[in-house]
Amino acid sequence: PFIAEINGEIVGFADLQADGYIDHFFCHAEHQGQGVGKALMDHIF
């Protein structure tokens, strides 16, 4: 997966498989609504 970090702390992760399948997409419980998911989704796109 792609790893999202803030100041070296892992705050989310998401993967993109070769056929376009996203198997995992998780944002840290304490970092919800802070742009982590958006950054990961933009990266996946």
ModelCIF file with pLDDT and N, C-alpha, C, O atoms, coordinates in Angstrom:
data_MODEL
#
_entry.id   MODEL 
#
_entity.id                         1 
_entity.type                       polymer 
_entity.pdbx_number_of_molecules   1 
#
_entity_poly.entity_id                      1 
_entity_poly.type                           'polypeptide(L)' 
_entity_poly.nstd_linkage                   no 
_entity_poly.nstd_monomer                   no 
_entity_poly.pdbx_seq_one_letter_code       PFIAEINGEIVGFADLQADGYIDHFFCHAEHQGQGVGKALMDHIF 
_entity_poly.pdbx_seq_one_letter_code_can   PFIAEINGEIVGFADLQADGYIDHFFCHAEHQGQGVGKALMDHIF 
_entity_poly.pdbx_strand_id                 A 
#
loop_
_entity_poly_seq.entity_id 
_entity_poly_seq.num 
_entity_poly_seq.mon_id 
_entity_poly_seq.hetero 
1 1  PRO n 
1 2  PHE n 
1 3  ILE n 
1 4  ALA n 
1 5  GLU n 
1 6  ILE n 
1 7  ASN n 
1 8  GLY n 
1 9  GLU n 
1 10 ILE n 
1 11 VAL n 
1 12 GLY n 
1 13 PHE n 
1 14 ALA n 
1 15 ASP n 
1 16 LEU n 
1 17 GLN n 
1 18 ALA n 
1 19 ASP n 
1 20 GLY n 
1 21 TYR n 
1 22 ILE n 
1 23 ASP n 
1 24 HIS n 
1 25 PHE n 
1 26 PHE n 
1 27 CYS n 
1 28 HIS n 
1 29 ALA n 
1 30 GLU n 
1 31 HIS n 
1 32 GLN n 
1 33 GLY n 
1 34 GLN n 
1 35 GLY n 
1 36 VAL n 
1 37 GLY n 
1 38 LYS n 
1 39 ALA n 
1 40 LEU n 
1 41 MET n 
1 42 ASP n 
1 43 HIS n 
1 44 ILE n 
1 45 PHE n 
#
_struct_asym.id          A 
_struct_asym.entity_id   1 
#
loop_
_ma_qa_metric.id 
_ma_qa_metric.mode 
_ma_qa_metric.name 
_ma_qa_metric.software_group_id 
_ma_qa_metric.type 
1 global pLDDT . pLDDT 
2 local  pLDDT . pLDDT 
#
_ma_qa_metric_global.metric_id      1 
_ma_qa_metric_global.metric_value   96.87 
_ma_qa_metric_global.model_id       1 
_ma_qa_metric_global.ordinal_id     1 
#
loop_
_ma_qa_metric_local.label_asym_id 
_ma_qa_metric_local.label_comp_id 
_ma_qa_metric_local.label_seq_id 
_ma_qa_metric_local.metric_id 
_ma_qa_metric_local.metric_value 
_ma_qa_metric_local.model_id 
_ma_qa_metric_local.ordinal_id 
A PRO 1  2 98.00 1 1  
A PHE 2  2 98.00 1 2  
A ILE 3  2 98.00 1 3  
A ALA 4  2 98.00 1 4  
A GLU 5  2 97.00 1 5  
A ILE 6  2 96.00 1 6  
A ASN 7  2 94.00 1 7  
A GLY 8  2 94.00 1 8  
A GLU 9  2 96.00 1 9  
A ILE 10 2 98.00 1 10 
A VAL 11 2 98.00 1 11 
A GLY 12 2 98.00 1 12 
A PHE 13 2 98.00 1 13 
A ALA 14 2 98.00 1 14 
A ASP 15 2 98.00 1 15 
A LEU 16 2 98.00 1 16 
A GLN 17 2 97.00 1 17 
A ALA 18 2 96.00 1 18 
A ASP 19 2 97.00 1 19 
A GLY 20 2 98.00 1 20 
A TYR 21 2 98.00 1 21 
A ILE 22 2 98.00 1 22 
A ASP 23 2 96.00 1 23 
A HIS 24 2 97.00 1 24 
A PHE 25 2 98.00 1 25 
A PHE 26 2 98.00 1 26 
A CYS 27 2 97.00 1 27 
A HIS 28 2 97.00 1 28 
A ALA 29 2 95.00 1 29 
A GLU 30 2 95.00 1 30 
A HIS 31 2 96.00 1 31 
A GLN 32 2 94.00 1 32 
A GLY 33 2 92.00 1 33 
A GLN 34 2 94.00 1 34 
A GLY 35 2 96.00 1 35 
A VAL 36 2 97.00 1 36 
A GLY 37 2 97.00 1 37 
A LYS 38 2 97.00 1 38 
A ALA 39 2 98.00 1 39 
A LEU 40 2 98.00 1 40 
A MET 41 2 98.00 1 41 
A ASP 42 2 97.00 1 42 
A HIS 43 2 98.00 1 43 
A ILE 44 2 98.00 1 44 
A PHE 45 2 97.00 1 45 
#
loop_
_atom_site.group_PDB 
_atom_site.id 
_atom_site.type_symbol 
_atom_site.label_atom_id 
_atom_site.label_alt_id 
_atom_site.label_comp_id 
_atom_site.label_asym_id 
_atom_site.label_entity_id 
_atom_site.label_seq_id 
_atom_site.pdbx_PDB_ins_code 
_atom_site.Cartn_x 
_atom_site.Cartn_y 
_atom_site.Cartn_z 
_atom_site.occupancy 
_atom_site.B_iso_or_equiv 
_atom_site.pdbx_formal_charge 
_atom_site.auth_seq_id 
_atom_site.auth_comp_id 
_atom_site.auth_asym_id 
_atom_site.auth_atom_id 
_atom_site.pdbx_PDB_model_num 
ATOM 1   N N  . PRO A 1 1  ? 0.798   -1.228 0.000   1.00 98.00 ? 1  PRO A N  1 
ATOM 2   C CA . PRO A 1 1  ? 0.000   0.000  0.000   1.00 98.00 ? 1  PRO A CA 1 
ATOM 3   C C  . PRO A 1 1  ? 0.833   1.281  0.000   1.00 98.00 ? 1  PRO A C  1 
ATOM 4   O O  . PRO A 1 1  ? 2.027   1.278  0.300   1.00 98.00 ? 1  PRO A O  1 
ATOM 5   N N  . PHE A 1 2  ? 0.166   2.354  -0.342  1.00 98.00 ? 2  PHE A N  1 
ATOM 6   C CA . PHE A 1 2  ? 0.743   3.683  -0.192  1.00 98.00 ? 2  PHE A CA 1 
ATOM 7   C C  . PHE A 1 2  ? 0.588   4.058  1.284   1.00 98.00 ? 2  PHE A C  1 
ATOM 8   O O  . PHE A 1 2  ? -0.433  3.753  1.901   1.00 98.00 ? 2  PHE A O  1 
ATOM 9   N N  . ILE A 1 3  ? 1.588   4.710  1.838   1.00 98.00 ? 3  ILE A N  1 
ATOM 10  C CA . ILE A 1 3  ? 1.597   5.062  3.259   1.00 98.00 ? 3  ILE A CA 1 
ATOM 11  C C  . ILE A 1 3  ? 1.487   6.576  3.388   1.00 98.00 ? 3  ILE A C  1 
ATOM 12  O O  . ILE A 1 3  ? 2.260   7.312  2.775   1.00 98.00 ? 3  ILE A O  1 
ATOM 13  N N  . ALA A 1 4  ? 0.530   7.042  4.182   1.00 98.00 ? 4  ALA A N  1 
ATOM 14  C CA . ALA A 1 4  ? 0.397   8.471  4.474   1.00 98.00 ? 4  ALA A CA 1 
ATOM 15  C C  . ALA A 1 4  ? 1.041   8.738  5.829   1.00 98.00 ? 4  ALA A C  1 
ATOM 16  O O  . ALA A 1 4  ? 0.776   8.036  6.805   1.00 98.00 ? 4  ALA A O  1 
ATOM 17  N N  . GLU A 1 5  ? 1.893   9.766  5.873   1.00 97.00 ? 5  GLU A N  1 
ATOM 18  C CA . GLU A 1 5  ? 2.573   10.139 7.109   1.00 97.00 ? 5  GLU A CA 1 
ATOM 19  C C  . GLU A 1 5  ? 2.437   11.628 7.376   1.00 97.00 ? 5  GLU A C  1 
ATOM 20  O O  . GLU A 1 5  ? 2.394   12.447 6.458   1.00 97.00 ? 5  GLU A O  1 
ATOM 21  N N  . ILE A 1 6  ? 2.372   11.951 8.649   1.00 96.00 ? 6  ILE A N  1 
ATOM 22  C CA . ILE A 1 6  ? 2.478   13.333 9.114   1.00 96.00 ? 6  ILE A CA 1 
ATOM 23  C C  . ILE A 1 6  ? 3.607   13.343 10.137  1.00 96.00 ? 6  ILE A C  1 
ATOM 24  O O  . ILE A 1 6  ? 3.550   12.637 11.145  1.00 96.00 ? 6  ILE A O  1 
ATOM 25  N N  . ASN A 1 7  ? 4.626   14.142 9.873   1.00 94.00 ? 7  ASN A N  1 
ATOM 26  C CA . ASN A 1 7  ? 5.796   14.221 10.768  1.00 94.00 ? 7  ASN A CA 1 
ATOM 27  C C  . ASN A 1 7  ? 6.370   12.843 11.094  1.00 94.00 ? 7  ASN A C  1 
ATOM 28  O O  . ASN A 1 7  ? 6.763   12.582 12.231  1.00 94.00 ? 7  ASN A O  1 
ATOM 29  N N  . GLY A 1 8  ? 6.416   11.963 10.091  1.00 94.00 ? 8  GLY A N  1 
ATOM 30  C CA . GLY A 1 8  ? 6.983   10.633 10.272  1.00 94.00 ? 8  GLY A CA 1 
ATOM 31  C C  . GLY A 1 8  ? 6.060   9.607  10.891  1.00 94.00 ? 8  GLY A C  1 
ATOM 32  O O  . GLY A 1 8  ? 6.430   8.438  10.992  1.00 94.00 ? 8  GLY A O  1 
ATOM 33  N N  . GLU A 1 9  ? 4.871   10.006 11.309  1.00 96.00 ? 9  GLU A N  1 
ATOM 34  C CA . GLU A 1 9  ? 3.894   9.084  11.907  1.00 96.00 ? 9  GLU A CA 1 
ATOM 35  C C  . GLU A 1 9  ? 2.957   8.565  10.810  1.00 96.00 ? 9  GLU A C  1 
ATOM 36  O O  . GLU A 1 9  ? 2.425   9.345  10.020  1.00 96.00 ? 9  GLU A O  1 
ATOM 37  N N  . ILE A 1 10 ? 2.761   7.250  10.769  1.00 98.00 ? 10 ILE A N  1 
ATOM 38  C CA . ILE A 1 10 ? 1.833   6.661  9.811   1.00 98.00 ? 10 ILE A CA 1 
ATOM 39  C C  . ILE A 1 10 ? 0.413   7.018  10.234  1.00 98.00 ? 10 ILE A C  1 
ATOM 40  O O  . ILE A 1 10 ? -0.019  6.681  11.337  1.00 98.00 ? 10 ILE A O  1 
ATOM 41  N N  . VAL A 1 11 ? -0.308  7.700  9.350   1.00 98.00 ? 11 VAL A N  1 
ATOM 42  C CA . VAL A 1 11 ? -1.667  8.160  9.666   1.00 98.00 ? 11 VAL A CA 1 
ATOM 43  C C  . VAL A 1 11 ? -2.720  7.589  8.710   1.00 98.00 ? 11 VAL A C  1 
ATOM 44  O O  . VAL A 1 11 ? -3.908  7.883  8.843   1.00 98.00 ? 11 VAL A O  1 
ATOM 45  N N  . GLY A 1 12 ? -2.282  6.780  7.755   1.00 98.00 ? 12 GLY A N  1 
ATOM 46  C CA . GLY A 1 12 ? -3.230  6.163  6.838   1.00 98.00 ? 12 GLY A CA 1 
ATOM 47  C C  . GLY A 1 12 ? -2.505  5.303  5.830   1.00 98.00 ? 12 GLY A C  1 
ATOM 48  O O  . GLY A 1 12 ? -1.295  5.421  5.638   1.00 98.00 ? 12 GLY A O  1 
ATOM 49  N N  . PHE A 1 13 ? -3.277  4.425  5.180   1.00 98.00 ? 13 PHE A N  1 
ATOM 50  C CA . PHE A 1 13 ? -2.708  3.623  4.100   1.00 98.00 ? 13 PHE A CA 1 
ATOM 51  C C  . PHE A 1 13 ? -3.825  3.164  3.172   1.00 98.00 ? 13 PHE A C  1 
ATOM 52  O O  . PHE A 1 13 ? -4.973  2.993  3.580   1.00 98.00 ? 13 PHE A O  1 
ATOM 53  N N  . ALA A 1 14 ? -3.453  2.972  1.924   1.00 98.00 ? 14 ALA A N  1 
ATOM 54  C CA . ALA A 1 14 ? -4.392  2.507  0.906   1.00 98.00 ? 14 ALA A CA 1 
ATOM 55  C C  . ALA A 1 14 ? -3.584  1.849  -0.201  1.00 98.00 ? 14 ALA A C  1 
ATOM 56  O O  . ALA A 1 14 ? -2.444  2.229  -0.465  1.00 98.00 ? 14 ALA A O  1 
ATOM 57  N N  . ASP A 1 15 ? -4.182  0.869  -0.835  1.00 98.00 ? 15 ASP A N  1 
ATOM 58  C CA . ASP A 1 15 ? -3.477  0.188  -1.914  1.00 98.00 ? 15 ASP A CA 1 
ATOM 59  C C  . ASP A 1 15 ? -4.244  0.330  -3.219  1.00 98.00 ? 15 ASP A C  1 
ATOM 60  O O  . ASP A 1 15 ? -5.424  0.679  -3.233  1.00 98.00 ? 15 ASP A O  1 
ATOM 61  N N  . LEU A 1 16 ? -3.559  0.055  -4.297  1.00 98.00 ? 16 LEU A N  1 
ATOM 62  C CA . LEU A 1 16 ? -4.162  0.017  -5.624  1.00 98.00 ? 16 LEU A CA 1 
ATOM 63  C C  . LEU A 1 16 ? -3.553  -1.162 -6.355  1.00 98.00 ? 16 LEU A C  1 
ATOM 64  O O  . LEU A 1 16 ? -2.357  -1.182 -6.645  1.00 98.00 ? 16 LEU A O  1 
ATOM 65  N N  . GLN A 1 17 ? -4.392  -2.146 -6.649  1.00 97.00 ? 17 GLN A N  1 
ATOM 66  C CA . GLN A 1 17 ? -3.912  -3.326 -7.346  1.00 97.00 ? 17 GLN A CA 1 
ATOM 67  C C  . GLN A 1 17 ? -3.902  -3.077 -8.859  1.00 97.00 ? 17 GLN A C  1 
ATOM 68  O O  . GLN A 1 17 ? -4.522  -2.131 -9.343  1.00 97.00 ? 17 GLN A O  1 
ATOM 69  N N  . ALA A 1 18 ? -3.201  -3.926 -9.588  1.00 96.00 ? 18 ALA A N  1 
ATOM 70  C CA . ALA A 1 18 ? -2.996  -3.731 -11.028 1.00 96.00 ? 18 ALA A CA 1 
ATOM 71  C C  . ALA A 1 18 ? -4.300  -3.676 -11.819 1.00 96.00 ? 18 ALA A C  1 
ATOM 72  O O  . ALA A 1 18 ? -4.361  -3.044 -12.873 1.00 96.00 ? 18 ALA A O  1 
ATOM 73  N N  . ASP A 1 19 ? -5.341  -4.336 -11.315 1.00 97.00 ? 19 ASP A N  1 
ATOM 74  C CA . ASP A 1 19 ? -6.631  -4.334 -12.026 1.00 97.00 ? 19 ASP A CA 1 
ATOM 75  C C  . ASP A 1 19 ? -7.554  -3.196 -11.586 1.00 97.00 ? 19 ASP A C  1 
ATOM 76  O O  . ASP A 1 19 ? -8.702  -3.124 -12.026 1.00 97.00 ? 19 ASP A O  1 
ATOM 77  N N  . GLY A 1 20 ? -7.055  -2.305 -10.718 1.00 98.00 ? 20 GLY A N  1 
ATOM 78  C CA . GLY A 1 20 ? -7.858  -1.176 -10.251 1.00 98.00 ? 20 GLY A CA 1 
ATOM 79  C C  . GLY A 1 20 ? -8.555  -1.412 -8.923  1.00 98.00 ? 20 GLY A C  1 
ATOM 80  O O  . GLY A 1 20 ? -9.282  -0.541 -8.444  1.00 98.00 ? 20 GLY A O  1 
ATOM 81  N N  . TYR A 1 21 ? -8.345  -2.577 -8.321  1.00 98.00 ? 21 TYR A N  1 
ATOM 82  C CA . TYR A 1 21 ? -9.003  -2.894 -7.043  1.00 98.00 ? 21 TYR A CA 1 
ATOM 83  C C  . TYR A 1 21 ? -8.293  -2.207 -5.882  1.00 98.00 ? 21 TYR A C  1 
ATOM 84  O O  . TYR A 1 21 ? -7.069  -2.269 -5.764  1.00 98.00 ? 21 TYR A O  1 
ATOM 85  N N  . ILE A 1 22 ? -9.069  -1.559 -5.036  1.00 98.00 ? 22 ILE A N  1 
ATOM 86  C CA . ILE A 1 22 ? -8.576  -0.973 -3.791  1.00 98.00 ? 22 ILE A CA 1 
ATOM 87  C C  . ILE A 1 22 ? -9.002  -1.928 -2.680  1.00 98.00 ? 22 ILE A C  1 
ATOM 88  O O  . ILE A 1 22 ? -10.180 -1.997 -2.331  1.00 98.00 ? 22 ILE A O  1 
ATOM 89  N N  . ASP A 1 23 ? -8.042  -2.661 -2.131  1.00 96.00 ? 23 ASP A N  1 
ATOM 90  C CA . ASP A 1 23 ? -8.355  -3.671 -1.127  1.00 96.00 ? 23 ASP A CA 1 
ATOM 91  C C  . ASP A 1 23 ? -8.449  -3.056 0.271   1.00 96.00 ? 23 ASP A C  1 
ATOM 92  O O  . ASP A 1 23 ? -9.328  -3.420 1.053   1.00 96.00 ? 23 ASP A O  1 
ATOM 93  N N  . HIS A 1 24 ? -7.555  -2.136 0.582   1.00 97.00 ? 24 HIS A N  1 
ATOM 94  C CA . HIS A 1 24 ? -7.527  -1.484 1.898   1.00 97.00 ? 24 HIS A CA 1 
ATOM 95  C C  . HIS A 1 24 ? -7.488  0.024  1.721   1.00 97.00 ? 24 HIS A C  1 
ATOM 96  O O  . HIS A 1 24 ? -6.822  0.542  0.824   1.00 97.00 ? 24 HIS A O  1 
ATOM 97  N N  . PHE A 1 25 ? -8.216  0.722  2.594   1.00 98.00 ? 25 PHE A N  1 
ATOM 98  C CA . PHE A 1 25 ? -8.181  2.184  2.628   1.00 98.00 ? 25 PHE A CA 1 
ATOM 99  C C  . PHE A 1 25 ? -8.552  2.579  4.050   1.00 98.00 ? 25 PHE A C  1 
ATOM 100 O O  . PHE A 1 25 ? -9.724  2.563  4.424   1.00 98.00 ? 25 PHE A O  1 
ATOM 101 N N  . PHE A 1 26 ? -7.540  2.935  4.840   1.00 98.00 ? 26 PHE A N  1 
ATOM 102 C CA . PHE A 1 26 ? -7.775  3.250  6.247   1.00 98.00 ? 26 PHE A CA 1 
ATOM 103 C C  . PHE A 1 26 ? -7.054  4.534  6.642   1.00 98.00 ? 26 PHE A C  1 
ATOM 104 O O  . PHE A 1 26 ? -5.904  4.760  6.265   1.00 98.00 ? 26 PHE A O  1 
ATOM 105 N N  . CYS A 1 27 ? -7.744  5.358  7.398   1.00 97.00 ? 27 CYS A N  1 
ATOM 106 C CA . CYS A 1 27 ? -7.166  6.563  7.984   1.00 97.00 ? 27 CYS A CA 1 
ATOM 107 C C  . CYS A 1 27 ? -7.180  6.401  9.505   1.00 97.00 ? 27 CYS A C  1 
ATOM 108 O O  . CYS A 1 27 ? -8.153  5.922  10.087  1.00 97.00 ? 27 CYS A O  1 
ATOM 109 N N  . HIS A 1 28 ? -6.106  6.802  10.114  1.00 97.00 ? 28 HIS A N  1 
ATOM 110 C CA . HIS A 1 28 ? -5.941  6.710  11.567  1.00 97.00 ? 28 HIS A CA 1 
ATOM 111 C C  . HIS A 1 28 ? -7.145  7.325  12.274  1.00 97.00 ? 28 HIS A C  1 
ATOM 112 O O  . HIS A 1 28 ? -7.630  8.384  11.876  1.00 97.00 ? 28 HIS A O  1 
ATOM 113 N N  . ALA A 1 29 ? -7.620  6.664  13.313  1.00 95.00 ? 29 ALA A N  1 
ATOM 114 C CA . ALA A 1 29 ? -8.811  7.125  14.043  1.00 95.00 ? 29 ALA A CA 1 
ATOM 115 C C  . ALA A 1 29 ? -8.654  8.554  14.569  1.00 95.00 ? 29 ALA A C  1 
ATOM 116 O O  . ALA A 1 29 ? -9.636  9.291  14.648  1.00 95.00 ? 29 ALA A O  1 
ATOM 117 N N  . GLU A 1 30 ? -7.443  8.947  14.925  1.00 95.00 ? 30 GLU A N  1 
ATOM 118 C CA . GLU A 1 30 ? -7.216  10.290 15.474  1.00 95.00 ? 30 GLU A CA 1 
ATOM 119 C C  . GLU A 1 30 ? -6.891  11.328 14.403  1.00 95.00 ? 30 GLU A C  1 
ATOM 120 O O  . GLU A 1 30 ? -6.626  12.487 14.722  1.00 95.00 ? 30 GLU A O  1 
ATOM 121 N N  . HIS A 1 31 ? -6.909  10.920 13.138  1.00 96.00 ? 31 HIS A N  1 
ATOM 122 C CA . HIS A 1 31 ? -6.592  11.844 12.044  1.00 96.00 ? 31 HIS A CA 1 
ATOM 123 C C  . HIS A 1 31 ? -7.713  11.873 11.006  1.00 96.00 ? 31 HIS A C  1 
ATOM 124 O O  . HIS A 1 31 ? -7.470  12.188 9.841   1.00 96.00 ? 31 HIS A O  1 
ATOM 125 N N  . GLN A 1 32 ? -8.932  11.547 11.419  1.00 94.00 ? 32 GLN A N  1 
ATOM 126 C CA . GLN A 1 32 ? -10.079 11.604 10.516  1.00 94.00 ? 32 GLN A CA 1 
ATOM 127 C C  . GLN A 1 32 ? -10.400 13.072 10.232  1.00 94.00 ? 32 GLN A C  1 
ATOM 128 O O  . GLN A 1 32 ? -10.299 13.917 11.121  1.00 94.00 ? 32 GLN A O  1 
ATOM 129 N N  . GLY A 1 33 ? -10.783 13.368 8.998   1.00 92.00 ? 33 GLY A N  1 
ATOM 130 C CA . GLY A 1 33 ? -11.197 14.719 8.643   1.00 92.00 ? 33 GLY A CA 1 
ATOM 131 C C  . GLY A 1 33 ? -10.059 15.722 8.546   1.00 92.00 ? 33 GLY A C  1 
ATOM 132 O O  . GLY A 1 33 ? -10.291 16.930 8.582   1.00 92.00 ? 33 GLY A O  1 
ATOM 133 N N  . GLN A 1 34 ? -8.820  15.225 8.423   1.00 94.00 ? 34 GLN A N  1 
ATOM 134 C CA . GLN A 1 34 ? -7.658  16.114 8.349   1.00 94.00 ? 34 GLN A CA 1 
ATOM 135 C C  . GLN A 1 34 ? -6.984  16.097 6.983   1.00 94.00 ? 34 GLN A C  1 
ATOM 136 O O  . GLN A 1 34 ? -5.884  16.627 6.828   1.00 94.00 ? 34 GLN A O  1 
ATOM 137 N N  . GLY A 1 35 ? -7.634  15.493 5.992   1.00 96.00 ? 35 GLY A N  1 
ATOM 138 C CA . GLY A 1 35 ? -7.071  15.469 4.646   1.00 96.00 ? 35 GLY A CA 1 
ATOM 139 C C  . GLY A 1 35 ? -6.261  14.236 4.306   1.00 96.00 ? 35 GLY A C  1 
ATOM 140 O O  . GLY A 1 35 ? -5.748  14.123 3.193   1.00 96.00 ? 35 GLY A O  1 
ATOM 141 N N  . VAL A 1 36 ? -6.136  13.309 5.245   1.00 97.00 ? 36 VAL A N  1 
ATOM 142 C CA . VAL A 1 36 ? -5.357  12.094 5.005   1.00 97.00 ? 36 VAL A CA 1 
ATOM 143 C C  . VAL A 1 36 ? -6.006  11.262 3.902   1.00 97.00 ? 36 VAL A C  1 
ATOM 144 O O  . VAL A 1 36 ? -5.335  10.842 2.959   1.00 97.00 ? 36 VAL A O  1 
ATOM 145 N N  . GLY A 1 37 ? -7.309  11.027 4.022   1.00 97.00 ? 37 GLY A N  1 
ATOM 146 C CA . GLY A 1 37 ? -8.022  10.253 3.010   1.00 97.00 ? 37 GLY A CA 1 
ATOM 147 C C  . GLY A 1 37 ? -7.967  10.914 1.649   1.00 97.00 ? 37 GLY A C  1 
ATOM 148 O O  . GLY A 1 37 ? -7.786  10.238 0.636   1.00 97.00 ? 37 GLY A O  1 
ATOM 149 N N  . LYS A 1 38 ? -8.122  12.226 1.612   1.00 97.00 ? 38 LYS A N  1 
ATOM 150 C CA . LYS A 1 38 ? -8.054  12.958 0.342   1.00 97.00 ? 38 LYS A CA 1 
ATOM 151 C C  . LYS A 1 38 ? -6.682  12.793 -0.293  1.00 97.00 ? 38 LYS A C  1 
ATOM 152 O O  . LYS A 1 38 ? -6.579  12.549 -1.495  1.00 97.00 ? 38 LYS A O  1 
ATOM 153 N N  . ALA A 1 39 ? -5.622  12.925 0.512   1.00 98.00 ? 39 ALA A N  1 
ATOM 154 C CA . ALA A 1 39 ? -4.257  12.768 -0.015  1.00 98.00 ? 39 ALA A CA 1 
ATOM 155 C C  . ALA A 1 39 ? -4.058  11.364 -0.585  1.00 98.00 ? 39 ALA A C  1 
ATOM 156 O O  . ALA A 1 39 ? -3.468  11.201 -1.653  1.00 98.00 ? 39 ALA A O  1 
ATOM 157 N N  . LEU A 1 40 ? -4.554  10.350 0.131   1.00 98.00 ? 40 LEU A N  1 
ATOM 158 C CA . LEU A 1 40 ? -4.430  8.975  -0.360  1.00 98.00 ? 40 LEU A CA 1 
ATOM 159 C C  . LEU A 1 40 ? -5.253  8.766  -1.631  1.00 98.00 ? 40 LEU A C  1 
ATOM 160 O O  . LEU A 1 40 ? -4.772  8.146  -2.579  1.00 98.00 ? 40 LEU A O  1 
ATOM 161 N N  . MET A 1 41 ? -6.480  9.272  -1.665  1.00 98.00 ? 41 MET A N  1 
ATOM 162 C CA . MET A 1 41 ? -7.321  9.093  -2.847  1.00 98.00 ? 41 MET A CA 1 
ATOM 163 C C  . MET A 1 41 ? -6.728  9.826  -4.050  1.00 98.00 ? 41 MET A C  1 
ATOM 164 O O  . MET A 1 41 ? -6.714  9.284  -5.155  1.00 98.00 ? 41 MET A O  1 
ATOM 165 N N  . ASP A 1 42 ? -6.246  11.036 -3.852  1.00 97.00 ? 42 ASP A N  1 
ATOM 166 C CA . ASP A 1 42 ? -5.592  11.763 -4.943  1.00 97.00 ? 42 ASP A CA 1 
ATOM 167 C C  . ASP A 1 42 ? -4.394  10.964 -5.475  1.00 97.00 ? 42 ASP A C  1 
ATOM 168 O O  . ASP A 1 42 ? -4.169  10.897 -6.683  1.00 97.00 ? 42 ASP A O  1 
ATOM 169 N N  . HIS A 1 43 ? -3.639  10.366 -4.563  1.00 98.00 ? 43 HIS A N  1 
ATOM 170 C CA . HIS A 1 43 ? -2.479  9.564  -4.958  1.00 98.00 ? 43 HIS A CA 1 
ATOM 171 C C  . HIS A 1 43 ? -2.922  8.335  -5.764  1.00 98.00 ? 43 HIS A C  1 
ATOM 172 O O  . HIS A 1 43 ? -2.291  7.976  -6.758  1.00 98.00 ? 43 HIS A O  1 
ATOM 173 N N  . ILE A 1 44 ? -4.001  7.705  -5.327  1.00 98.00 ? 44 ILE A N  1 
ATOM 174 C CA . ILE A 1 44 ? -4.525  6.543  -6.056  1.00 98.00 ? 44 ILE A CA 1 
ATOM 175 C C  . ILE A 1 44 ? -4.980  6.955  -7.452  1.00 98.00 ? 44 ILE A C  1 
ATOM 176 O O  . ILE A 1 44 ? -4.682  6.262  -8.425  1.00 98.00 ? 44 ILE A O  1 
ATOM 177 N N  . PHE A 1 45 ? -5.696  8.069  -7.565  1.00 97.00 ? 45 PHE A N  1 
ATOM 178 C CA . PHE A 1 45 ? -6.133  8.542  -8.888  1.00 97.00 ? 45 PHE A CA 1 
ATOM 179 C C  . PHE A 1 45 ? -4.929  8.776  -9.804  1.00 97.00 ? 45 PHE A C  1 
ATOM 180 O O  . PHE A 1 45 ? -5.098  9.175  -10.956 1.00 97.00 ? 45 PHE A O  1 
#
